[in-house]
Every structure is written in C-alpha cells, then in structure tokens.
C-alpha cells in the first residue's frame, strides 16, 4: 500500500526530506539517532524507532502505521493503541524527524 494509499487518504506520514542525514546507532533496547541537518541526537525506545524505520522505507497512512505496529507488538489496534501511535507521531513530528504529507508530497 504505502505511497499509493497516501494519495487517497488524508493522514499520511513520511520521514523528513533530509532522511539521508539520519544516522542510526543501536544499543539494546534503545536506539540513538543523529539528525545531521539539525545536529541533534535523539534517544528512541523500540516503538518510535520502529515507526521511524518503517517510514524510511516509504510514506504510510496513520492507519497503516497503526496496523503494522500493532501486529509487530502483538497487540490490538484499538482506541488506546491509536492514541499511543498518534502521540508518538506527534512527538516525532515535534523533533522534526517525520512530517505529515499531502498527495503532492508523495
């Protein structure tokens, strides 16, 4: 699905345009991410790191992100999960690691 479904749905997410400036280092269970464009290093737990790595492969809708993360975490994609994923996406957006996209961006 990914990019194609972003053209027909509203809430699409992608990694910031400078994704080549993202450098990963992992020390279980956390990941460190250096964002070369901002010069900031971020400590990410497993779920935000999984979401960001998934989005590096291509844009996805909020629904796709919820389904994929729920399956990976072996949990239900319910209202509580939706709130959790939306909160993580908002935090990643605030850190300038992901951005909402329109069909013109994809």
PDB file of N, CA and C in Angstrom:
ATOM      1  N   UNK A   1       0.833  -1.188   0.000  1.00  0.00           N
ATOM      2  CA  UNK A   1       0.000   0.000   0.000  1.00  0.00           C
ATOM      3  C   UNK A   1       0.875   1.248   0.000  1.00  0.00           C
ATOM      4  N   UNK A   2       1.245   1.736   1.185  1.00  0.00           N
ATOM      5  CA  UNK A   2       2.186   2.839   1.313  1.00  0.00           C
ATOM      6  C   UNK A   2       1.847   4.060   0.495  1.00  0.00           C
ATOM      7  N   UNK A   3       2.739   4.408  -0.422  1.00  0.00           N
ATOM      8  CA  UNK A   3       2.646   5.648  -1.179  1.00  0.00           C
ATOM      9  C   UNK A   3       1.331   5.780  -1.933  1.00  0.00           C
ATOM     10  N   UNK A   4       0.858   4.720  -2.550  1.00  0.00           N
ATOM     11  CA  UNK A   4      -0.380   4.804  -3.323  1.00  0.00           C
ATOM     12  C   UNK A   4      -1.555   5.181  -2.440  1.00  0.00           C
ATOM     13  N   UNK A   5      -1.644   4.590  -1.242  1.00  0.00           N
ATOM     14  CA  UNK A   5      -2.783   4.892  -0.381  1.00  0.00           C
ATOM     15  C   UNK A   5      -2.695   6.299   0.196  1.00  0.00           C
ATOM     16  N   UNK A   6      -1.512   6.867   0.274  1.00  0.00           N
ATOM     17  CA  UNK A   6      -1.380   8.241   0.761  1.00  0.00           C
ATOM     18  C   UNK A   6      -2.051   9.215  -0.200  1.00  0.00           C
ATOM     19  N   UNK A   7      -2.208   8.840  -1.422  1.00  0.00           N
ATOM     20  CA  UNK A   7      -2.812   9.733  -2.407  1.00  0.00           C
ATOM     21  C   UNK A   7      -4.321   9.810  -2.236  1.00  0.00           C
ATOM     22  N   UNK A   8      -4.931   8.828  -1.562  1.00  0.00           N
ATOM     23  CA  UNK A   8      -6.375   8.847  -1.409  1.00  0.00           C
ATOM     24  C   UNK A   8      -6.817   9.025   0.037  1.00  0.00           C
ATOM     25  N   UNK A   9      -5.893   9.043   0.987  1.00  0.00           N
ATOM     26  CA  UNK A   9      -6.234   9.244   2.388  1.00  0.00           C
ATOM     27  C   UNK A   9      -5.562  10.508   2.884  1.00  0.00           C
ATOM     28  N   UNK A  10      -6.093  11.083   3.976  1.00  0.00           N
ATOM     29  CA  UNK A  10      -5.580  12.368   4.431  1.00  0.00           C
ATOM     30  C   UNK A  10      -4.334  12.286   5.301  1.00  0.00           C
ATOM     31  N   UNK A  11      -4.338  11.488   6.347  1.00  0.00           N
ATOM     32  CA  UNK A  11      -3.240  11.497   7.308  1.00  0.00           C
ATOM     33  C   UNK A  11      -2.093  10.602   6.856  1.00  0.00           C
ATOM     34  N   UNK A  12      -1.184  11.161   6.089  1.00  0.00           N
ATOM     35  CA  UNK A  12      -0.009  10.431   5.623  1.00  0.00           C
ATOM     36  C   UNK A  12       1.223  10.972   6.324  1.00  0.00           C
ATOM     37  N   UNK A  13       2.160  10.081   6.565  1.00  0.00           N
ATOM     38  CA  UNK A  13       3.380  10.438   7.273  1.00  0.00           C
ATOM     39  C   UNK A  13       4.590   9.956   6.492  1.00  0.00           C
ATOM     40  N   UNK A  14       5.657  10.711   6.562  1.00  0.00           N
ATOM     41  CA  UNK A  14       6.918  10.315   5.957  1.00  0.00           C
ATOM     42  C   UNK A  14       8.068  10.872   6.763  1.00  0.00           C
ATOM     43  N   UNK A  15       9.230  10.324   6.515  1.00  0.00           N
ATOM     44  CA  UNK A  15      10.442  10.821   7.155  1.00  0.00           C
ATOM     45  C   UNK A  15      10.761  12.180   6.554  1.00  0.00           C
ATOM     46  N   UNK A  16      11.371  13.050   7.339  1.00  0.00           N
ATOM     47  CA  UNK A  16      11.740  14.376   6.835  1.00  0.00           C
ATOM     48  C   UNK A  16      12.513  14.237   5.532  1.00  0.00           C
ATOM     49  N   UNK A  17      12.442  15.252   4.721  1.00  0.00           N
ATOM     50  CA  UNK A  17      13.052  15.191   3.389  1.00  0.00           C
ATOM     51  C   UNK A  17      14.554  14.920   3.422  1.00  0.00           C
ATOM     52  N   UNK A  18      15.195  15.263   4.519  1.00  0.00           N
ATOM     53  CA  UNK A  18      16.648  15.052   4.631  1.00  0.00           C
ATOM     54  C   UNK A  18      16.961  13.708   5.288  1.00  0.00           C
ATOM     55  N   UNK A  19      16.191  12.657   4.932  1.00  0.00           N
ATOM     56  CA  UNK A  19      16.347  11.372   5.598  1.00  0.00           C
ATOM     57  C   UNK A  19      17.742  10.778   5.450  1.00  0.00           C
ATOM     58  N   UNK A  20      18.476  11.188   4.425  1.00  0.00           N
ATOM     59  CA  UNK A  20      19.843  10.684   4.270  1.00  0.00           C
ATOM     60  C   UNK A  20      20.771  11.231   5.354  1.00  0.00           C
ATOM     61  N   UNK A  21      20.320  12.250   6.076  1.00  0.00           N
ATOM     62  CA  UNK A  21      21.142  12.792   7.156  1.00  0.00           C
ATOM     63  C   UNK A  21      20.813  12.148   8.506  1.00  0.00           C
ATOM     64  N   UNK A  22      20.013  11.057   8.489  1.00  0.00           N
ATOM     65  CA  UNK A  22      19.689  10.336   9.715  1.00  0.00           C
ATOM     66  C   UNK A  22      20.659   9.173   9.879  1.00  0.00           C
ATOM     67  N   UNK A  23      21.395   9.166  10.983  1.00  0.00           N
ATOM     68  CA  UNK A  23      22.390   8.123  11.240  1.00  0.00           C
ATOM     69  C   UNK A  23      21.992   7.375  12.505  1.00  0.00           C
ATOM     70  N   UNK A  24      21.828   6.056  12.380  1.00  0.00           N
ATOM     71  CA  UNK A  24      21.356   5.220  13.473  1.00  0.00           C
ATOM     72  C   UNK A  24      22.501   4.550  14.218  1.00  0.00           C
ATOM     73  N   UNK A  25      22.332   4.379  15.518  1.00  0.00           N
ATOM     74  CA  UNK A  25      23.194   3.540  16.353  1.00  0.00           C
ATOM     75  C   UNK A  25      22.268   2.849  17.343  1.00  0.00           C
ATOM     76  N   UNK A  26      22.427   1.548  17.512  1.00  0.00           N
ATOM     77  CA  UNK A  26      21.522   0.813  18.389  1.00  0.00           C
ATOM     78  C   UNK A  26      22.275   0.154  19.527  1.00  0.00           C
ATOM     79  N   UNK A  27      21.751   0.379  20.713  1.00  0.00           N
ATOM     80  CA  UNK A  27      22.205  -0.305  21.918  1.00  0.00           C
ATOM     81  C   UNK A  27      20.949  -0.821  22.580  1.00  0.00           C
ATOM     82  N   UNK A  28      20.770  -2.123  22.515  1.00  0.00           N
ATOM     83  CA  UNK A  28      19.554  -2.736  23.017  1.00  0.00           C
ATOM     84  C   UNK A  28      19.230  -2.266  24.429  1.00  0.00           C
ATOM     85  N   UNK A  29      18.014  -1.895  24.724  1.00  0.00           N
ATOM     86  CA  UNK A  29      16.835  -1.950  23.864  1.00  0.00           C
ATOM     87  C   UNK A  29      16.546  -0.634  23.151  1.00  0.00           C
ATOM     88  N   UNK A  30      17.407   0.341  23.271  1.00  0.00           N
ATOM     89  CA  UNK A  30      17.139   1.662  22.700  1.00  0.00           C
ATOM     90  C   UNK A  30      17.959   1.925  21.444  1.00  0.00           C
ATOM     91  N   UNK A  31      17.538   2.946  20.727  1.00  0.00           N
ATOM     92  CA  UNK A  31      18.255   3.378  19.528  1.00  0.00           C
ATOM     93  C   UNK A  31      18.604   4.851  19.666  1.00  0.00           C
ATOM     94  N   UNK A  32      19.758   5.201  19.149  1.00  0.00           N
ATOM     95  CA  UNK A  32      20.163   6.600  19.076  1.00  0.00           C
ATOM     96  C   UNK A  32      20.106   7.009  17.620  1.00  0.00           C
ATOM     97  N   UNK A  33      19.639   8.210  17.394  1.00  0.00           N
ATOM     98  CA  UNK A  33      19.521   8.710  16.034  1.00  0.00           C
ATOM     99  C   UNK A  33      20.127  10.098  15.974  1.00  0.00           C
ATOM    100  N   UNK A  34      21.120  10.243  15.124  1.00  0.00           N
ATOM    101  CA  UNK A  34      21.719  11.557  14.896  1.00  0.00           C
ATOM    102  C   UNK A  34      21.096  12.134  13.638  1.00  0.00           C
ATOM    103  N   UNK A  35      20.546  13.345  13.755  1.00  0.00           N
ATOM    104  CA  UNK A  35      19.943  14.035  12.618  1.00  0.00           C
ATOM    105  C   UNK A  35      20.927  15.103  12.166  1.00  0.00           C
ATOM    106  N   UNK A  36      21.664  14.814  11.117  1.00  0.00           N
ATOM    107  CA  UNK A  36      22.729  15.687  10.649  1.00  0.00           C
ATOM    108  C   UNK A  36      22.281  17.095  10.303  1.00  0.00           C
ATOM    109  N   UNK A  37      21.065  17.230   9.813  1.00  0.00           N
ATOM    110  CA  UNK A  37      20.589  18.547   9.408  1.00  0.00           C
ATOM    111  C   UNK A  37      20.355  19.471  10.610  1.00  0.00           C
ATOM    112  N   UNK A  38      19.886  18.900  11.726  1.00  0.00           N
ATOM    113  CA  UNK A  38      19.639  19.721  12.907  1.00  0.00           C
ATOM    114  C   UNK A  38      20.798  19.658  13.898  1.00  0.00           C
ATOM    115  N   UNK A  39      21.660  18.644  13.747  1.00  0.00           N
ATOM    116  CA  UNK A  39      22.773  18.467  14.670  1.00  0.00           C
ATOM    117  C   UNK A  39      22.357  17.866  16.002  1.00  0.00           C
ATOM    118  N   UNK A  40      21.144  17.345  16.077  1.00  0.00           N
ATOM    119  CA  UNK A  40      20.631  16.787  17.318  1.00  0.00           C
ATOM    120  C   UNK A  40      20.706  15.267  17.319  1.00  0.00           C
ATOM    121  N   UNK A  41      20.953  14.714  18.508  1.00  0.00           N
ATOM    122  CA  UNK A  41      20.936  13.269  18.715  1.00  0.00           C
ATOM    123  C   UNK A  41      19.732  12.937  19.582  1.00  0.00           C
ATOM    124  N   UNK A  42      18.995  11.906  19.194  1.00  0.00           N
ATOM    125  CA  UNK A  42      17.765  11.529  19.887  1.00  0.00           C
ATOM    126  C   UNK A  42      17.883  10.095  20.397  1.00  0.00           C
ATOM    127  N   UNK A  43      17.418   9.865  21.611  1.00  0.00           N
ATOM    128  CA  UNK A  43      17.308   8.529  22.185  1.00  0.00           C
ATOM    129  C   UNK A  43      15.879   8.066  21.955  1.00  0.00           C
ATOM    130  N   UNK A  44      15.713   6.960  21.234  1.00  0.00           N
ATOM    131  CA  UNK A  44      14.382   6.464  20.905  1.00  0.00           C
ATOM    132  C   UNK A  44      14.185   5.070  21.473  1.00  0.00           C
ATOM    133  N   UNK A  45      13.041   4.842  22.088  1.00  0.00           N
ATOM    134  CA  UNK A  45      12.702   3.486  22.518  1.00  0.00           C
ATOM    135  C   UNK A  45      12.279   2.679  21.294  1.00  0.00           C
ATOM    136  N   UNK A  46      11.970   1.412  21.516  1.00  0.00           N
ATOM    137  CA  UNK A  46      11.704   0.499  20.392  1.00  0.00           C
ATOM    138  C   UNK A  46      10.579   0.945  19.466  1.00  0.00           C
ATOM    139  N   UNK A  47       9.443   1.345  20.019  1.00  0.00           N
ATOM    140  CA  UNK A  47       8.296   1.650  19.164  1.00  0.00           C
ATOM    141  C   UNK A  47       8.507   2.895  18.297  1.00  0.00           C
ATOM    142  N   UNK A  48       8.953   4.023  18.850  1.00  0.00           N
ATOM    143  CA  UNK A  48       9.231   5.165  17.966  1.00  0.00           C
ATOM    144  C   UNK A  48      10.314   4.845  16.924  1.00  0.00           C
ATOM    145  N   UNK A  49      11.323   4.074  17.310  1.00  0.00           N
ATOM    146  CA  UNK A  49      12.371   3.697  16.353  1.00  0.00           C
ATOM    147  C   UNK A  49      11.787   2.829  15.239  1.00  0.00           C
ATOM    148  N   UNK A  50      10.907   1.884  15.599  1.00  0.00           N
ATOM    149  CA  UNK A  50      10.264   1.020  14.604  1.00  0.00           C
ATOM    150  C   UNK A  50       9.439   1.852  13.622  1.00  0.00           C
ATOM    151  N   UNK A  51       8.674   2.802  14.154  1.00  0.00           N
ATOM    152  CA  UNK A  51       7.851   3.659  13.289  1.00  0.00           C
ATOM    153  C   UNK A  51       8.735   4.452  12.334  1.00  0.00           C
ATOM    154  N   UNK A  52       9.779   5.047  12.848  1.00  0.00           N
ATOM    155  CA  UNK A  52      10.662   5.859  12.015  1.00  0.00           C
ATOM    156  C   UNK A  52      11.359   5.010  10.953  1.00  0.00           C
ATOM    157  N   UNK A  53      11.825   3.833  11.322  1.00  0.00           N
ATOM    158  CA  UNK A  53      12.488   2.960  10.352  1.00  0.00           C
ATOM    159  C   UNK A  53      11.514   2.475   9.289  1.00  0.00           C
ATOM    160  N   UNK A  54      10.272   2.224   9.693  1.00  0.00           N
ATOM    161  CA  UNK A  54       9.237   1.833   8.737  1.00  0.00           C
ATOM    162  C   UNK A  54       8.975   2.952   7.733  1.00  0.00           C
ATOM    163  N   UNK A  55       8.925   4.181   8.232  1.00  0.00           N
ATOM    164  CA  UNK A  55       8.663   5.324   7.350  1.00  0.00           C
ATOM    165  C   UNK A  55       9.850   5.642   6.444  1.00  0.00           C
ATOM    166  N   UNK A  56      11.046   5.220   6.821  1.00  0.00           N
ATOM    167  CA  UNK A  56      12.189   5.440   5.934  1.00  0.00           C
ATOM    168  C   UNK A  56      12.039   4.637   4.649  1.00  0.00           C
ATOM    169  N   UNK A  57      11.275   3.553   4.706  1.00  0.00           N
ATOM    170  CA  UNK A  57      11.038   2.744   3.512  1.00  0.00           C
ATOM    171  C   UNK A  57       9.981   3.361   2.606  1.00  0.00           C
ATOM    172  N   UNK A  58       9.183   4.279   3.126  1.00  0.00           N
ATOM    173  CA  UNK A  58       8.159   4.927   2.318  1.00  0.00           C
ATOM    174  C   UNK A  58       7.043   5.483   3.179  1.00  0.00           C
ATOM    175  N   UNK A  59       6.328   6.439   2.645  1.00  0.00           N
ATOM    176  CA  UNK A  59       5.231   7.087   3.356  1.00  0.00           C
ATOM    177  C   UNK A  59       4.118   6.096   3.652  1.00  0.00           C
ATOM    178  N   UNK A  60       3.434   6.335   4.759  1.00  0.00           N
ATOM    179  CA  UNK A  60       2.318   5.487   5.157  1.00  0.00           C
ATOM    180  C   UNK A  60       1.229   6.341   5.795  1.00  0.00           C
ATOM    181  N   UNK A  61       0.011   5.819   5.740  1.00  0.00           N
ATOM    182  CA  UNK A  61      -1.082   6.486   6.424  1.00  0.00           C
ATOM    183  C   UNK A  61      -1.024   6.142   7.907  1.00  0.00           C
ATOM    184  N   UNK A  62      -1.738   6.927   8.706  1.00  0.00           N
ATOM    185  CA  UNK A  62      -1.821   6.642  10.128  1.00  0.00           C
ATOM    186  C   UNK A  62      -2.383   5.245  10.348  1.00  0.00           C
ATOM    187  N   UNK A  63      -3.392   4.862   9.584  1.00  0.00           N
ATOM    188  CA  UNK A  63      -3.995   3.528   9.714  1.00  0.00           C
ATOM    189  C   UNK A  63      -2.984   2.427   9.425  1.00  0.00           C
ATOM    190  N   UNK A  64      -2.178   2.604   8.387  1.00  0.00           N
ATOM    191  CA  UNK A  64      -1.160   1.603   8.059  1.00  0.00           C
ATOM    192  C   UNK A  64      -0.133   1.486   9.183  1.00  0.00           C
ATOM    193  N   UNK A  65       0.275   2.613   9.716  1.00  0.00           N
ATOM    194  CA  UNK A  65       1.246   2.606  10.813  1.00  0.00           C
ATOM    195  C   UNK A  65       0.655   1.896  12.020  1.00  0.00           C
ATOM    196  N   UNK A  66      -0.600   2.199  12.350  1.00  0.00           N
ATOM    197  CA  UNK A  66      -1.259   1.552  13.486  1.00  0.00           C
ATOM    198  C   UNK A  66      -1.324   0.047  13.298  1.00  0.00           C
ATOM    199  N   UNK A  67      -1.755  -0.410  12.124  1.00  0.00           N
ATOM    200  CA  UNK A  67      -1.887  -1.852  11.862  1.00  0.00           C
ATOM    201  C   UNK A  67      -0.527  -2.549  11.941  1.00  0.00           C
ATOM    202  N   UNK A  68       0.480  -1.967  11.303  1.00  0.00           N
ATOM    203  CA  UNK A  68       1.803  -2.594  11.281  1.00  0.00           C
ATOM    204  C   UNK A  68       2.431  -2.660  12.668  1.00  0.00           C
ATOM    205  N   UNK A  69       2.290  -1.581  13.427  1.00  0.00           N
ATOM    206  CA  UNK A  69       2.884  -1.584  14.765  1.00  0.00           C
ATOM    207  C   UNK A  69       2.115  -2.505  15.703  1.00  0.00           C
ATOM    208  N   UNK A  70       0.796  -2.536  15.595  1.00  0.00           N
ATOM    209  CA  UNK A  70       0.007  -3.442  16.436  1.00  0.00           C
ATOM    210  C   UNK A  70       0.380  -4.893  16.153  1.00  0.00           C
ATOM    211  N   UNK A  71       0.536  -5.231  14.875  1.00  0.00           N
ATOM    212  CA  UNK A  71       0.924  -6.596  14.511  1.00  0.00           C
ATOM    213  C   UNK A  71       2.323  -6.917  15.035  1.00  0.00           C
ATOM    214  N   UNK A  72       3.249  -5.970  14.887  1.00  0.00           N
ATOM    215  CA  UNK A  72       4.622  -6.205  15.350  1.00  0.00           C
ATOM    216  C   UNK A  72       4.704  -6.346  16.870  1.00  0.00           C
ATOM    217  N   UNK A  73       3.806  -5.651  17.568  1.00  0.00           N
ATOM    218  CA  UNK A  73       3.793  -5.686  19.041  1.00  0.00           C
ATOM    219  C   UNK A  73       2.805  -6.700  19.589  1.00  0.00           C
ATOM    220  N   UNK A  74       2.144  -7.440  18.689  1.00  0.00           N
ATOM    221  CA  UNK A  74       1.165  -8.448  19.071  1.00  0.00           C
ATOM    222  C   UNK A  74       0.127  -7.874  20.036  1.00  0.00           C
ATOM    223  N   UNK A  75      -0.471  -6.760  19.629  1.00  0.00           N
ATOM    224  CA  UNK A  75      -1.495  -6.101  20.428  1.00  0.00           C
ATOM    225  C   UNK A  75      -2.669  -5.720  19.549  1.00  0.00           C
ATOM    226  N   UNK A  76      -3.771  -5.356  20.172  1.00  0.00           N
ATOM    227  CA  UNK A  76      -4.961  -4.950  19.423  1.00  0.00           C
ATOM    228  C   UNK A  76      -4.821  -3.520  18.917  1.00  0.00           C
ATOM    229  N   UNK A  77      -5.305  -3.298  17.718  1.00  0.00           N
ATOM    230  CA  UNK A  77      -5.337  -1.953  17.146  1.00  0.00           C
ATOM    231  C   UNK A  77      -6.649  -1.294  17.576  1.00  0.00           C
ATOM    232  N   UNK A  78      -6.717  -0.921  18.853  1.00  0.00           N
ATOM    233  CA  UNK A  78      -7.926  -0.328  19.407  1.00  0.00           C
ATOM    234  C   UNK A  78      -7.729   1.165  19.650  1.00  0.00           C
ATOM    235  N   UNK A  79      -8.692   1.790  20.327  1.00  0.00           N
ATOM    236  CA  UNK A  79      -8.621   3.232  20.569  1.00  0.00           C
ATOM    237  C   UNK A  79      -7.395   3.627  21.382  1.00  0.00           C
ATOM    238  N   UNK A  80      -7.049   2.820  22.381  1.00  0.00           N
ATOM    239  CA  UNK A  80      -5.870   3.120  23.201  1.00  0.00           C
ATOM    240  C   UNK A  80      -4.600   3.065  22.353  1.00  0.00           C
ATOM    241  N   UNK A  81      -4.545   2.086  21.456  1.00  0.00           N
ATOM    242  CA  UNK A  81      -3.372   1.965  20.570  1.00  0.00           C
ATOM    243  C   UNK A  81      -3.309   3.156  19.620  1.00  0.00           C
ATOM    244  N   UNK A  82      -4.456   3.560  19.101  1.00  0.00           N
ATOM    245  CA  UNK A  82      -4.499   4.719  18.207  1.00  0.00           C
ATOM    246  C   UNK A  82      -3.960   5.959  18.919  1.00  0.00           C
ATOM    247  N   UNK A  83      -4.394   6.189  20.150  1.00  0.00           N
ATOM    248  CA  UNK A  83      -3.902   7.350  20.907  1.00  0.00           C
ATOM    249  C   UNK A  83      -2.401   7.276  21.114  1.00  0.00           C
ATOM    250  N   UNK A  84      -1.902   6.082  21.406  1.00  0.00           N
ATOM    251  CA  UNK A  84      -0.462   5.903  21.619  1.00  0.00           C
ATOM    252  C   UNK A  84       0.322   6.217  20.346  1.00  0.00           C
ATOM    253  N   UNK A  85      -0.127   5.684  19.219  1.00  0.00           N
ATOM    254  CA  UNK A  85       0.573   5.903  17.946  1.00  0.00           C
ATOM    255  C   UNK A  85       0.498   7.369  17.542  1.00  0.00           C
ATOM    256  N   UNK A  86      -0.660   7.995  17.701  1.00  0.00           N
ATOM    257  CA  UNK A  86      -0.787   9.418  17.364  1.00  0.00           C
ATOM    258  C   UNK A  86       0.123  10.271  18.244  1.00  0.00           C
ATOM    259  N   UNK A  87       0.262   9.911  19.505  1.00  0.00           N
ATOM    260  CA  UNK A  87       1.148  10.633  20.405  1.00  0.00           C
ATOM    261  C   UNK A  87       2.608  10.489  19.970  1.00  0.00           C
ATOM    262  N   UNK A  88       3.001   9.278  19.590  1.00  0.00           N
ATOM    263  CA  UNK A  88       4.370   9.051  19.123  1.00  0.00           C
ATOM    264  C   UNK A  88       4.633   9.830  17.843  1.00  0.00           C
ATOM    265  N   UNK A  89       3.688   9.798  16.908  1.00  0.00           N
ATOM    266  CA  UNK A  89       3.856  10.545  15.656  1.00  0.00           C
ATOM    267  C   UNK A  89       3.970  12.041  15.925  1.00  0.00           C
ATOM    268  N   UNK A  90       3.170  12.556  16.851  1.00  0.00           N
ATOM    269  CA  UNK A  90       3.242  13.980  17.195  1.00  0.00           C
ATOM    270  C   UNK A  90       4.607  14.313  17.798  1.00  0.00           C
ATOM    271  N   UNK A  91       5.121  13.428  18.648  1.00  0.00           N
ATOM    272  CA  UNK A  91       6.450  13.658  19.231  1.00  0.00           C
ATOM    273  C   UNK A  91       7.544  13.616  18.173  1.00  0.00           C
ATOM    274  N   UNK A  92       7.466  12.647  17.265  1.00  0.00           N
ATOM    275  CA  UNK A  92       8.459  12.563  16.190  1.00  0.00           C
ATOM    276  C   UNK A  92       8.377  13.770  15.266  1.00  0.00           C
ATOM    277  N   UNK A  93       7.158  14.270  15.060  1.00  0.00           N
ATOM    278  CA  UNK A  93       6.975  15.465  14.238  1.00  0.00           C
ATOM    279  C   UNK A  93       7.583  16.681  14.942  1.00  0.00           C
ATOM    280  N   UNK A  94       7.380  16.782  16.243  1.00  0.00           N
ATOM    281  CA  UNK A  94       7.942  17.889  17.011  1.00  0.00           C
ATOM    282  C   UNK A  94       9.471  17.878  16.986  1.00  0.00           C
ATOM    283  N   UNK A  95      10.054  16.671  16.939  1.00  0.00           N
ATOM    284  CA  UNK A  95      11.509  16.535  16.855  1.00  0.00           C
ATOM    285  C   UNK A  95      12.036  16.742  15.435  1.00  0.00           C
ATOM    286  N   UNK A  96      11.118  17.005  14.496  1.00  0.00           N
ATOM    287  CA  UNK A  96      11.439  17.216  13.081  1.00  0.00           C
ATOM    288  C   UNK A  96      12.059  15.983  12.427  1.00  0.00           C
ATOM    289  N   UNK A  97      11.553  14.802  12.842  1.00  0.00           N
ATOM    290  CA  UNK A  97      12.018  13.548  12.252  1.00  0.00           C
ATOM    291  C   UNK A  97      11.019  12.992  11.240  1.00  0.00           C
ATOM    292  N   UNK A  98       9.728  13.276  11.450  1.00  0.00           N
ATOM    293  CA  UNK A  98       8.697  12.895  10.483  1.00  0.00           C
ATOM    294  C   UNK A  98       7.867  14.128  10.170  1.00  0.00           C
ATOM    295  N   UNK A  99       7.118  14.026   9.085  1.00  0.00           N
ATOM    296  CA  UNK A  99       6.244  15.131   8.712  1.00  0.00           C
ATOM    297  C   UNK A  99       4.990  14.593   8.056  1.00  0.00           C
ATOM    298  N   UNK A 100       3.915  15.337   8.245  1.00  0.00           N
ATOM    299  CA  UNK A 100       2.665  14.997   7.544  1.00  0.00           C
ATOM    300  C   UNK A 100       2.855  15.325   6.076  1.00  0.00           C
ATOM    301  N   UNK A 101       2.275  14.499   5.248  1.00  0.00           N
ATOM    302  CA  UNK A 101       2.428  14.702   3.815  1.00  0.00           C
ATOM    303  C   UNK A 101       1.083  14.801   3.143  1.00  0.00           C
ATOM    304  N   UNK A 102       1.047  15.525   2.076  1.00  0.00           N
ATOM    305  CA  UNK A 102      -0.136  15.578   1.231  1.00  0.00           C
ATOM    306  C   UNK A 102       0.161  14.765  -0.008  1.00  0.00           C
ATOM    307  N   UNK A 103      -0.828  14.547  -0.842  1.00  0.00           N
ATOM    308  CA  UNK A 103      -0.601  13.753  -2.051  1.00  0.00           C
ATOM    309  C   UNK A 103       0.440  14.411  -2.956  1.00  0.00           C
ATOM    310  N   UNK A 104       0.607  15.717  -2.859  1.00  0.00           N
ATOM    311  CA  UNK A 104       1.610  16.398  -3.684  1.00  0.00           C
ATOM    312  C   UNK A 104       3.032  16.087  -3.213  1.00  0.00           C
ATOM    313  N   UNK A 105       3.171  15.672  -1.932  1.00  0.00           N
ATOM    314  CA  UNK A 105       4.495  15.360  -1.375  1.00  0.00           C
ATOM    315  C   UNK A 105       4.959  13.963  -1.742  1.00  0.00           C
ATOM    316  N   UNK A 106       4.034  13.068  -2.067  1.00  0.00           N
ATOM    317  CA  UNK A 106       4.396  11.678  -2.280  1.00  0.00           C
ATOM    318  C   UNK A 106       4.735  11.336  -3.685  1.00  0.00           C
TER     319      UNK A 106
END
